Amino acid sequence: MSNDYLDANRRLVSVFRSPRRDGMYLYVDRKEGLARVPDALRELFGTPQHAMDLLLTAERKLARVAAADVLAKIAEQGFYLQMPPLPDDEMRAIIAANDKLAPARR
């Protein structure tokens, strides 16, 4: 198969879902598969479940992240990990904890 579909703005990717956490996905180059995903991440992620293959372009609309960011991470580190969104109450707790740690404003 020709590699002419691979460049900085488009790549054939495989998407895997985590069996351990809803909304957690790994995007990887289809040809490389999971080879560049670190063992520690694979352990936390669980046995990857193939969700889909797609031609990802920088212009493509994704629900939670810019496709260009996914392409950049795959090129740089071999994968992109999409984390599930935090529930509102969990997000509020994180913001409150960060506010307590921030230096007082003057």
PDB file of N, CA and C in Angstrom:
ATOM      1  N   MET A   1       0.836  -1.184   0.000  1.00  0.00           N
ATOM      2  CA  MET A   1       0.000   0.000   0.000  1.00  0.00           C
ATOM      3  C   MET A   1       0.876   1.241   0.000  1.00  0.00           C
ATOM      4  N   SER A   2       0.474   2.217  -0.724  1.00  0.00           N
ATOM      5  CA  SER A   2       1.226   3.462  -0.832  1.00  0.00           C
ATOM      6  C   SER A   2       1.119   4.276   0.454  1.00  0.00           C
ATOM      7  N   ASN A   3       2.193   5.008   0.779  1.00  0.00           N
ATOM      8  CA  ASN A   3       2.188   5.873   1.953  1.00  0.00           C
ATOM      9  C   ASN A   3       1.788   7.298   1.608  1.00  0.00           C
ATOM     10  N   ASP A   4       1.242   7.538   0.407  1.00  0.00           N
ATOM     11  CA  ASP A   4       0.938   8.903  -0.006  1.00  0.00           C
ATOM     12  C   ASP A   4      -0.218   9.524   0.787  1.00  0.00           C
ATOM     13  N   TYR A   5      -0.913   8.739   1.594  1.00  0.00           N
ATOM     14  CA  TYR A   5      -1.980   9.292   2.429  1.00  0.00           C
ATOM     15  C   TYR A   5      -1.433   9.807   3.766  1.00  0.00           C
ATOM     16  N   LEU A   6      -0.143   9.663   3.999  1.00  0.00           N
ATOM     17  CA  LEU A   6       0.461  10.099   5.261  1.00  0.00           C
ATOM     18  C   LEU A   6       1.224  11.395   5.064  1.00  0.00           C
ATOM     19  N   ASP A   7       0.841  12.406   5.798  1.00  0.00           N
ATOM     20  CA  ASP A   7       1.616  13.631   5.868  1.00  0.00           C
ATOM     21  C   ASP A   7       1.199  14.362   7.130  1.00  0.00           C
ATOM     22  N   ALA A   8       1.632  15.600   7.305  1.00  0.00           N
ATOM     23  CA  ALA A   8       1.343  16.334   8.535  1.00  0.00           C
ATOM     24  C   ALA A   8      -0.140  16.643   8.708  1.00  0.00           C
ATOM     25  N   ASN A   9      -0.903  16.610   7.622  1.00  0.00           N
ATOM     26  CA  ASN A   9      -2.307  17.006   7.687  1.00  0.00           C
ATOM     27  C   ASN A   9      -3.308  15.878   7.481  1.00  0.00           C
ATOM     28  N   ARG A  10      -2.820  14.662   7.287  1.00  0.00           N
ATOM     29  CA  ARG A  10      -3.737  13.525   7.127  1.00  0.00           C
ATOM     30  C   ARG A  10      -2.998  12.220   7.412  1.00  0.00           C
ATOM     31  N   ARG A  11      -3.742  11.295   7.981  1.00  0.00           N
ATOM     32  CA  ARG A  11      -3.151  10.016   8.359  1.00  0.00           C
ATOM     33  C   ARG A  11      -4.274   9.006   8.561  1.00  0.00           C
ATOM     34  N   LEU A  12      -4.048   7.774   8.153  1.00  0.00           N
ATOM     35  CA  LEU A  12      -4.995   6.706   8.405  1.00  0.00           C
ATOM     36  C   LEU A  12      -4.763   6.229   9.835  1.00  0.00           C
ATOM     37  N   VAL A  13      -5.791   6.345  10.683  1.00  0.00           N
ATOM     38  CA  VAL A  13      -5.641   6.012  12.101  1.00  0.00           C
ATOM     39  C   VAL A  13      -6.613   4.914  12.517  1.00  0.00           C
ATOM     40  N   SER A  14      -6.219   4.210  13.553  1.00  0.00           N
ATOM     41  CA  SER A  14      -7.100   3.258  14.224  1.00  0.00           C
ATOM     42  C   SER A  14      -7.445   3.854  15.582  1.00  0.00           C
ATOM     43  N   VAL A  15      -8.692   3.677  15.977  1.00  0.00           N
ATOM     44  CA  VAL A  15      -9.172   4.188  17.254  1.00  0.00           C
ATOM     45  C   VAL A  15      -9.580   2.993  18.106  1.00  0.00           C
ATOM     46  N   PHE A  16      -9.082   2.978  19.352  1.00  0.00           N
ATOM     47  CA  PHE A  16      -9.392   1.902  20.289  1.00  0.00           C
ATOM     48  C   PHE A  16     -10.069   2.481  21.519  1.00  0.00           C
ATOM     49  N   ARG A  17     -11.055   1.775  22.049  1.00  0.00           N
ATOM     50  CA  ARG A  17     -11.721   2.204  23.280  1.00  0.00           C
ATOM     51  C   ARG A  17     -11.174   1.386  24.446  1.00  0.00           C
ATOM     52  N   SER A  18     -11.196   1.997  25.613  1.00  0.00           N
ATOM     53  CA  SER A  18     -10.761   1.320  26.829  1.00  0.00           C
ATOM     54  C   SER A  18     -11.919   0.542  27.429  1.00  0.00           C
ATOM     55  N   PRO A  19     -11.665  -0.703  27.843  1.00  0.00           N
ATOM     56  CA  PRO A  19     -12.718  -1.452  28.526  1.00  0.00           C
ATOM     57  C   PRO A  19     -12.865  -1.015  29.985  1.00  0.00           C
ATOM     58  N   ARG A  20     -11.927  -0.215  30.468  1.00  0.00           N
ATOM     59  CA  ARG A  20     -11.918   0.181  31.876  1.00  0.00           C
ATOM     60  C   ARG A  20     -12.584   1.512  32.171  1.00  0.00           C
ATOM     61  N   ARG A  21     -12.666   2.391  31.177  1.00  0.00           N
ATOM     62  CA  ARG A  21     -13.236   3.717  31.435  1.00  0.00           C
ATOM     63  C   ARG A  21     -13.987   4.209  30.203  1.00  0.00           C
ATOM     64  N   ASP A  22     -15.274   4.454  30.368  1.00  0.00           N
ATOM     65  CA  ASP A  22     -16.081   4.988  29.273  1.00  0.00           C
ATOM     66  C   ASP A  22     -15.511   6.325  28.813  1.00  0.00           C
ATOM     67  N   GLY A  23     -15.451   6.515  27.509  1.00  0.00           N
ATOM     68  CA  GLY A  23     -14.987   7.781  26.953  1.00  0.00           C
ATOM     69  C   GLY A  23     -13.486   7.900  26.805  1.00  0.00           C
ATOM     70  N   MET A  24     -12.731   6.866  27.167  1.00  0.00           N
ATOM     71  CA  MET A  24     -11.270   6.891  27.007  1.00  0.00           C
ATOM     72  C   MET A  24     -10.924   6.147  25.715  1.00  0.00           C
ATOM     73  N   TYR A  25     -10.191   6.842  24.823  1.00  0.00           N
ATOM     74  CA  TYR A  25      -9.840   6.276  23.518  1.00  0.00           C
ATOM     75  C   TYR A  25      -8.376   6.518  23.212  1.00  0.00           C
ATOM     76  N   LEU A  26      -7.778   5.589  22.472  1.00  0.00           N
ATOM     77  CA  LEU A  26      -6.424   5.732  21.940  1.00  0.00           C
ATOM     78  C   LEU A  26      -6.519   5.851  20.431  1.00  0.00           C
ATOM     79  N   TYR A  27      -5.883   6.875  19.886  1.00  0.00           N
ATOM     80  CA  TYR A  27      -5.757   7.050  18.435  1.00  0.00           C
ATOM     81  C   TYR A  27      -4.310   6.705  18.093  1.00  0.00           C
ATOM     82  N   VAL A  28      -4.108   5.836  17.104  1.00  0.00           N
ATOM     83  CA  VAL A  28      -2.762   5.456  16.678  1.00  0.00           C
ATOM     84  C   VAL A  28      -2.709   5.397  15.154  1.00  0.00           C
ATOM     85  N   ASP A  29      -1.498   5.506  14.614  1.00  0.00           N
ATOM     86  CA  ASP A  29      -1.300   5.298  13.185  1.00  0.00           C
ATOM     87  C   ASP A  29      -1.710   3.856  12.870  1.00  0.00           C
ATOM     88  N   ARG A  30      -2.524   3.680  11.856  1.00  0.00           N
ATOM     89  CA  ARG A  30      -3.042   2.345  11.541  1.00  0.00           C
ATOM     90  C   ARG A  30      -1.926   1.356  11.235  1.00  0.00           C
ATOM     91  N   LYS A  31      -0.918   1.808  10.512  1.00  0.00           N
ATOM     92  CA  LYS A  31       0.181   0.906  10.142  1.00  0.00           C
ATOM     93  C   LYS A  31       1.019   0.491  11.348  1.00  0.00           C
ATOM     94  N   GLU A  32       1.273   1.430  12.268  1.00  0.00           N
ATOM     95  CA  GLU A  32       2.091   1.141  13.452  1.00  0.00           C
ATOM     96  C   GLU A  32       1.304   0.409  14.532  1.00  0.00           C
ATOM     97  N   GLY A  33       0.006   0.603  14.538  1.00  0.00           N
ATOM     98  CA  GLY A  33      -0.805  -0.021  15.578  1.00  0.00           C
ATOM     99  C   GLY A  33      -0.419   0.501  16.953  1.00  0.00           C
ATOM    100  N   LEU A  34      -0.391  -0.380  17.914  1.00  0.00           N
ATOM    101  CA  LEU A  34      -0.125  -0.010  19.303  1.00  0.00           C
ATOM    102  C   LEU A  34       1.354  -0.097  19.678  1.00  0.00           C
ATOM    103  N   ALA A  35       2.216  -0.300  18.700  1.00  0.00           N
ATOM    104  CA  ALA A  35       3.640  -0.533  18.964  1.00  0.00           C
ATOM    105  C   ALA A  35       4.316   0.585  19.755  1.00  0.00           C
ATOM    106  N   ARG A  36       3.919   1.843  19.564  1.00  0.00           N
ATOM    107  CA  ARG A  36       4.581   2.963  20.240  1.00  0.00           C
ATOM    108  C   ARG A  36       3.870   3.407  21.522  1.00  0.00           C
ATOM    109  N   VAL A  37       2.800   2.714  21.891  1.00  0.00           N
ATOM    110  CA  VAL A  37       2.098   3.042  23.137  1.00  0.00           C
ATOM    111  C   VAL A  37       2.892   2.435  24.295  1.00  0.00           C
ATOM    112  N   PRO A  38       3.281   3.248  25.280  1.00  0.00           N
ATOM    113  CA  PRO A  38       4.079   2.738  26.401  1.00  0.00           C
ATOM    114  C   PRO A  38       3.345   1.634  27.175  1.00  0.00           C
ATOM    115  N   ASP A  39       4.122   0.691  27.687  1.00  0.00           N
ATOM    116  CA  ASP A  39       3.548  -0.429  28.438  1.00  0.00           C
ATOM    117  C   ASP A  39       2.718   0.041  29.626  1.00  0.00           C
ATOM    118  N   ALA A  40       3.184   1.061  30.334  1.00  0.00           N
ATOM    119  CA  ALA A  40       2.456   1.557  31.511  1.00  0.00           C
ATOM    120  C   ALA A  40       1.066   2.069  31.111  1.00  0.00           C
ATOM    121  N   LEU A  41       0.976   2.752  29.991  1.00  0.00           N
ATOM    122  CA  LEU A  41      -0.318   3.244  29.522  1.00  0.00           C
ATOM    123  C   LEU A  41      -1.201   2.083  29.092  1.00  0.00           C
ATOM    124  N   ARG A  42      -0.626   1.114  28.431  1.00  0.00           N
ATOM    125  CA  ARG A  42      -1.411  -0.049  27.998  1.00  0.00           C
ATOM    126  C   ARG A  42      -1.976  -0.791  29.206  1.00  0.00           C
ATOM    127  N   GLU A  43      -1.197  -0.853  30.280  1.00  0.00           N
ATOM    128  CA  GLU A  43      -1.648  -1.508  31.511  1.00  0.00           C
ATOM    129  C   GLU A  43      -2.844  -0.764  32.109  1.00  0.00           C
ATOM    130  N   LEU A  44      -2.759   0.559  32.177  1.00  0.00           N
ATOM    131  CA  LEU A  44      -3.852   1.369  32.719  1.00  0.00           C
ATOM    132  C   LEU A  44      -5.076   1.365  31.804  1.00  0.00           C
ATOM    133  N   PHE A  45      -4.849   1.374  30.508  1.00  0.00           N
ATOM    134  CA  PHE A  45      -5.912   1.447  29.512  1.00  0.00           C
ATOM    135  C   PHE A  45      -6.742   0.169  29.471  1.00  0.00           C
ATOM    136  N   GLY A  46      -6.082  -0.971  29.687  1.00  0.00           N
ATOM    137  CA  GLY A  46      -6.749  -2.265  29.551  1.00  0.00           C
ATOM    138  C   GLY A  46      -6.586  -2.786  28.132  1.00  0.00           C
ATOM    139  N   THR A  47      -7.155  -3.943  27.852  1.00  0.00           N
ATOM    140  CA  THR A  47      -7.049  -4.535  26.521  1.00  0.00           C
ATOM    141  C   THR A  47      -7.815  -3.668  25.528  1.00  0.00           C
ATOM    142  N   PRO A  48      -7.102  -3.032  24.581  1.00  0.00           N
ATOM    143  CA  PRO A  48      -7.761  -2.120  23.643  1.00  0.00           C
ATOM    144  C   PRO A  48      -8.814  -2.836  22.813  1.00  0.00           C
ATOM    145  N   GLN A  49      -9.961  -2.194  22.669  1.00  0.00           N
ATOM    146  CA  GLN A  49     -11.044  -2.720  21.839  1.00  0.00           C
ATOM    147  C   GLN A  49     -11.149  -1.838  20.598  1.00  0.00           C
ATOM    148  N   HIS A  50     -10.933  -2.437  19.429  1.00  0.00           N
ATOM    149  CA  HIS A  50     -10.946  -1.674  18.182  1.00  0.00           C
ATOM    150  C   HIS A  50     -12.325  -1.060  17.969  1.00  0.00           C
ATOM    151  N   ALA A  51     -12.349   0.260  17.786  1.00  0.00           N
ATOM    152  CA  ALA A  51     -13.615   0.972  17.559  1.00  0.00           C
ATOM    153  C   ALA A  51     -13.815   1.277  16.082  1.00  0.00           C
ATOM    154  N   MET A  52     -12.743   1.783  15.413  1.00  0.00           N
ATOM    155  CA  MET A  52     -12.867   2.143  13.998  1.00  0.00           C
ATOM    156  C   MET A  52     -11.516   2.504  13.410  1.00  0.00           C
ATOM    157  N   ASP A  53     -11.470   2.544  12.105  1.00  0.00           N
ATOM    158  CA  ASP A  53     -10.356   3.096  11.341  1.00  0.00           C
ATOM    159  C   ASP A  53     -10.917   4.273  10.565  1.00  0.00           C
ATOM    160  N   LEU A  54     -10.116   5.320  10.422  1.00  0.00           N
ATOM    161  CA  LEU A  54     -10.579   6.469   9.659  1.00  0.00           C
ATOM    162  C   LEU A  54      -9.401   7.246   9.098  1.00  0.00           C
ATOM    163  N   LEU A  55      -9.669   7.938   7.995  1.00  0.00           N
ATOM    164  CA  LEU A  55      -8.682   8.854   7.446  1.00  0.00           C
ATOM    165  C   LEU A  55      -8.871  10.162   8.183  1.00  0.00           C
ATOM    166  N   LEU A  56      -7.914  10.505   9.016  1.00  0.00           N
ATOM    167  CA  LEU A  56      -8.000  11.713   9.826  1.00  0.00           C
ATOM    168  C   LEU A  56      -7.265  12.836   9.121  1.00  0.00           C
ATOM    169  N   THR A  57      -7.982  13.913   8.876  1.00  0.00           N
ATOM    170  CA  THR A  57      -7.384  15.095   8.265  1.00  0.00           C
ATOM    171  C   THR A  57      -7.425  16.230   9.276  1.00  0.00           C
ATOM    172  N   ALA A  58      -6.555  17.206   9.110  1.00  0.00           N
ATOM    173  CA  ALA A  58      -6.486  18.334  10.036  1.00  0.00           C
ATOM    174  C   ALA A  58      -7.802  19.102  10.084  1.00  0.00           C
ATOM    175  N   GLU A  59      -8.572  19.065   9.003  1.00  0.00           N
ATOM    176  CA  GLU A  59      -9.823  19.810   8.929  1.00  0.00           C
ATOM    177  C   GLU A  59     -11.021  19.035   9.491  1.00  0.00           C
ATOM    178  N   ARG A  60     -10.848  17.758   9.725  1.00  0.00           N
ATOM    179  CA  ARG A  60     -11.969  16.924  10.167  1.00  0.00           C
ATOM    180  C   ARG A  60     -12.475  17.372  11.540  1.00  0.00           C
ATOM    181  N   LYS A  61     -13.767  17.346  11.717  1.00  0.00           N
ATOM    182  CA  LYS A  61     -14.378  17.714  12.994  1.00  0.00           C
ATOM    183  C   LYS A  61     -14.414  16.490  13.910  1.00  0.00           C
ATOM    184  N   LEU A  62     -13.858  16.642  15.106  1.00  0.00           N
ATOM    185  CA  LEU A  62     -13.958  15.622  16.141  1.00  0.00           C
ATOM    186  C   LEU A  62     -14.717  16.230  17.321  1.00  0.00           C
ATOM    187  N   ALA A  63     -15.325  15.396  18.137  1.00  0.00           N
ATOM    188  CA  ALA A  63     -16.196  15.888  19.203  1.00  0.00           C
ATOM    189  C   ALA A  63     -15.456  16.638  20.302  1.00  0.00           C
ATOM    190  N   ARG A  64     -14.292  16.165  20.738  1.00  0.00           N
ATOM    191  CA  ARG A  64     -13.666  16.731  21.934  1.00  0.00           C
ATOM    192  C   ARG A  64     -12.295  17.350  21.737  1.00  0.00           C
ATOM    193  N   VAL A  65     -11.755  17.251  20.547  1.00  0.00           N
ATOM    194  CA  VAL A  65     -10.389  17.731  20.337  1.00  0.00           C
ATOM    195  C   VAL A  65     -10.217  18.132  18.876  1.00  0.00           C
ATOM    196  N   ALA A  66      -9.265  19.009  18.628  1.00  0.00           N
ATOM    197  CA  ALA A  66      -8.947  19.391  17.249  1.00  0.00           C
ATOM    198  C   ALA A  66      -8.188  18.246  16.580  1.00  0.00           C
ATOM    199  N   ALA A  67      -8.620  17.872  15.391  1.00  0.00           N
ATOM    200  CA  ALA A  67      -7.971  16.781  14.665  1.00  0.00           C
ATOM    201  C   ALA A  67      -6.496  17.074  14.432  1.00  0.00           C
ATOM    202  N   ALA A  68      -6.132  18.328  14.217  1.00  0.00           N
ATOM    203  CA  ALA A  68      -4.721  18.690  14.023  1.00  0.00           C
ATOM    204  C   ALA A  68      -3.896  18.348  15.254  1.00  0.00           C
ATOM    205  N   ASP A  69      -4.473  18.492  16.447  1.00  0.00           N
ATOM    206  CA  ASP A  69      -3.761  18.137  17.682  1.00  0.00           C
ATOM    207  C   ASP A  69      -3.542  16.629  17.771  1.00  0.00           C
ATOM    208  N   VAL A  70      -4.536  15.852  17.363  1.00  0.00           N
ATOM    209  CA  VAL A  70      -4.410  14.392  17.359  1.00  0.00           C
ATOM    210  C   VAL A  70      -3.305  13.974  16.390  1.00  0.00           C
ATOM    211  N   LEU A  71      -3.316  14.546  15.192  1.00  0.00           N
ATOM    212  CA  LEU A  71      -2.285  14.225  14.198  1.00  0.00           C
ATOM    213  C   LEU A  71      -0.892  14.569  14.712  1.00  0.00           C
ATOM    214  N   ALA A  72      -0.761  15.716  15.366  1.00  0.00           N
ATOM    215  CA  ALA A  72       0.548  16.140  15.885  1.00  0.00           C
ATOM    216  C   ALA A  72       1.052  15.178  16.960  1.00  0.00           C
ATOM    217  N   LYS A  73       0.177  14.763  17.864  1.00  0.00           N
ATOM    218  CA  LYS A  73       0.585  13.839  18.936  1.00  0.00           C
ATOM    219  C   LYS A  73       0.956  12.467  18.369  1.00  0.00           C
ATOM    220  N   ILE A  74       0.210  11.996  17.392  1.00  0.00           N
ATOM    221  CA  ILE A  74       0.547  10.702  16.786  1.00  0.00           C
ATOM    222  C   ILE A  74       1.914  10.781  16.126  1.00  0.00           C
ATOM    223  N   ALA A  75       2.183  11.869  15.412  1.00  0.00           N
ATOM    224  CA  ALA A  75       3.494  12.026  14.764  1.00  0.00           C
ATOM    225  C   ALA A  75       4.608  12.118  15.801  1.00  0.00           C
ATOM    226  N   GLU A  76       4.357  12.831  16.883  1.00  0.00           N
ATOM    227  CA  GLU A  76       5.370  13.075  17.917  1.00  0.00           C
ATOM    228  C   GLU A  76       5.630  11.864  18.805  1.00  0.00           C
ATOM    229  N   GLN A  77       4.551  11.238  19.320  1.00  0.00           N
ATOM    230  CA  GLN A  77       4.746  10.195  20.317  1.00  0.00           C
ATOM    231  C   GLN A  77       4.161   8.838  19.932  1.00  0.00           C
ATOM    232  N   GLY A  78       3.469   8.778  18.789  1.00  0.00           N
ATOM    233  CA  GLY A  78       2.940   7.503  18.323  1.00  0.00           C
ATOM    234  C   GLY A  78       1.510   7.216  18.725  1.00  0.00           C
ATOM    235  N   PHE A  79       0.903   8.095  19.506  1.00  0.00           N
ATOM    236  CA  PHE A  79      -0.482   7.885  19.926  1.00  0.00           C
ATOM    237  C   PHE A  79      -1.069   9.194  20.444  1.00  0.00           C
ATOM    238  N   TYR A  80      -2.383   9.224  20.529  1.00  0.00           N
ATOM    239  CA  TYR A  80      -3.096  10.306  21.204  1.00  0.00           C
ATOM    240  C   TYR A  80      -4.084   9.645  22.145  1.00  0.00           C
ATOM    241  N   LEU A  81      -4.066  10.024  23.421  1.00  0.00           N
ATOM    242  CA  LEU A  81      -4.983   9.487  24.411  1.00  0.00           C
ATOM    243  C   LEU A  81      -6.086  10.502  24.659  1.00  0.00           C
ATOM    244  N   GLN A  82      -7.319  10.114  24.371  1.00  0.00           N
ATOM    245  CA  GLN A  82      -8.476  10.964  24.648  1.00  0.00           C
ATOM    246  C   GLN A  82      -9.086  10.518  25.962  1.00  0.00           C
ATOM    247  N   MET A  83      -9.090  11.430  26.926  1.00  0.00           N
ATOM    248  CA  MET A  83      -9.662  11.154  28.233  1.00  0.00           C
ATOM    249  C   MET A  83     -11.140  11.524  28.231  1.00  0.00           C
ATOM    250  N   PRO A  84     -11.931  10.848  29.051  1.00  0.00           N
ATOM    251  CA  PRO A  84     -13.345  11.219  29.138  1.00  0.00           C
ATOM    252  C   PRO A  84     -13.488  12.564  29.836  1.00  0.00           C
ATOM    253  N   PRO A  85     -14.553  13.283  29.532  1.00  0.00           N
ATOM    254  CA  PRO A  85     -14.766  14.558  30.228  1.00  0.00           C
ATOM    255  C   PRO A  85     -15.074  14.299  31.698  1.00  0.00           C
ATOM    256  N   LEU A  86     -14.655  15.231  32.537  1.00  0.00           N
ATOM    257  CA  LEU A  86     -14.955  15.114  33.965  1.00  0.00           C
ATOM    258  C   LEU A  86     -16.395  15.535  34.228  1.00  0.00           C
ATOM    259  N   PRO A  87     -17.064  14.858  35.139  1.00  0.00           N
ATOM    260  CA  PRO A  87     -18.399  15.315  35.528  1.00  0.00           C
ATOM    261  C   PRO A  87     -18.310  16.715  36.141  1.00  0.00           C
ATOM    262  N   ASP A  88     -19.369  17.479  36.055  1.00  0.00           N
ATOM    263  CA  ASP A  88     -19.371  18.858  36.543  1.00  0.00           C
ATOM    264  C   ASP A  88     -18.938  18.972  38.001  1.00  0.00           C
ATOM    265  N   ASP A  89     -19.416  18.068  38.881  1.00  0.00           N
ATOM    266  CA  ASP A  89     -19.057  18.169  40.292  1.00  0.00           C
ATOM    267  C   ASP A  89     -17.574  17.895  40.509  1.00  0.00           C
ATOM    268  N   GLU A  90     -17.023  16.977  39.752  1.00  0.00           N
ATOM    269  CA  GLU A  90     -15.596  16.685  39.844  1.00  0.00           C
ATOM    270  C   GLU A  90     -14.775  17.880  39.347  1.00  0.00           C
ATOM    271  N   MET A  91     -15.233  18.516  38.265  1.00  0.00           N
ATOM    272  CA  MET A  91     -14.557  19.690  37.727  1.00  0.00           C
ATOM    273  C   MET A  91     -14.596  20.835  38.739  1.00  0.00           C
ATOM    274  N   ARG A  92     -15.740  21.051  39.374  1.00  0.00           N
ATOM    275  CA  ARG A  92     -15.846  22.114  40.382  1.00  0.00           C
ATOM    276  C   ARG A  92     -14.889  21.867  41.547  1.00  0.00           C
ATOM    277  N   ALA A  93     -14.729  20.610  41.964  1.00  0.00           N
ATOM    278  CA  ALA A  93     -13.816  20.277  43.062  1.00  0.00           C
ATOM    279  C   ALA A  93     -12.369  20.569  42.674  1.00  0.00           C
ATOM    280  N   ILE A  94     -12.002  20.275  41.432  1.00  0.00           N
ATOM    281  CA  ILE A  94     -10.641  20.551  40.961  1.00  0.00           C
ATOM    282  C   ILE A  94     -10.395  22.051  40.922  1.00  0.00           C
ATOM    283  N   ILE A  95     -11.363  22.801  40.415  1.00  0.00           N
ATOM    284  CA  ILE A  95     -11.226  24.258  40.352  1.00  0.00           C
ATOM    285  C   ILE A  95     -11.106  24.844  41.754  1.00  0.00           C
ATOM    286  N   ALA A  96     -11.919  24.371  42.676  1.00  0.00           N
ATOM    287  CA  ALA A  96     -11.862  24.869  44.056  1.00  0.00           C
ATOM    288  C   ALA A  96     -10.514  24.564  44.695  1.00  0.00           C
ATOM    289  N   ALA A  97      -9.999  23.363  44.474  1.00  0.00           N
ATOM    290  CA  ALA A  97      -8.690  22.999  45.034  1.00  0.00           C
ATOM    291  C   ALA A  97      -7.591  23.870  44.442  1.00  0.00           C
ATOM    292  N   ASN A  98      -7.657  24.131  43.148  1.00  0.00           N
ATOM    293  CA  ASN A  98      -6.650  24.987  42.500  1.00  0.00           C
ATOM    294  C   ASN A  98      -6.735  26.416  43.010  1.00  0.00           C
ATOM    295  N   ASP A  99      -7.958  26.921  43.242  1.00  0.00           N
ATOM    296  CA  ASP A  99      -8.122  28.270  43.772  1.00  0.00           C
ATOM    297  C   ASP A  99      -7.460  28.411  45.141  1.00  0.00           C
ATOM    298  N   LYS A 100      -7.556  27.376  45.962  1.00  0.00           N
ATOM    299  CA  LYS A 100      -6.946  27.409  47.299  1.00  0.00           C
ATOM    300  C   LYS A 100      -5.427  27.412  47.218  1.00  0.00           C
ATOM    301  N   LEU A 101      -4.884  26.801  46.172  1.00  0.00           N
ATOM    302  CA  LEU A 101      -3.432  26.700  46.017  1.00  0.00           C
ATOM    303  C   LEU A 101      -2.830  27.931  45.344  1.00  0.00           C
ATOM    304  N   ALA A 102      -3.651  28.675  44.633  1.00  0.00           N
ATOM    305  CA  ALA A 102      -3.150  29.849  43.890  1.00  0.00           C
ATOM    306  C   ALA A 102      -2.755  30.958  44.860  1.00  0.00           C
ATOM    307  N   PRO A 103      -1.684  31.710  44.537  1.00  0.00           N
ATOM    308  CA  PRO A 103      -1.292  32.819  45.407  1.00  0.00           C
ATOM    309  C   PRO A 103      -2.387  33.886  45.410  1.00  0.00           C
ATOM    310  N   ALA A 104      -2.510  34.568  46.531  1.00  0.00           N
ATOM    311  CA  ALA A 104      -3.529  35.622  46.652  1.00  0.00           C
ATOM    312  C   ALA A 104      -3.293  36.710  45.626  1.00  0.00           C
ATOM    313  N   ARG A 105      -4.382  37.180  45.034  1.00  0.00           N
ATOM    314  CA  ARG A 105      -4.272  38.256  44.043  1.00  0.00           C
ATOM    315  C   ARG A 105      -4.309  39.600  44.734  1.00  0.00           C
ATOM    316  N   ARG A 106      -3.539  40.507  44.246  1.00  0.00           N
ATOM    317  CA  ARG A 106      -3.495  41.856  44.853  1.00  0.00           C
ATOM    318  C   ARG A 106      -3.908  42.885  43.872  1.00  0.00           C
TER     319      ARG A 106
END
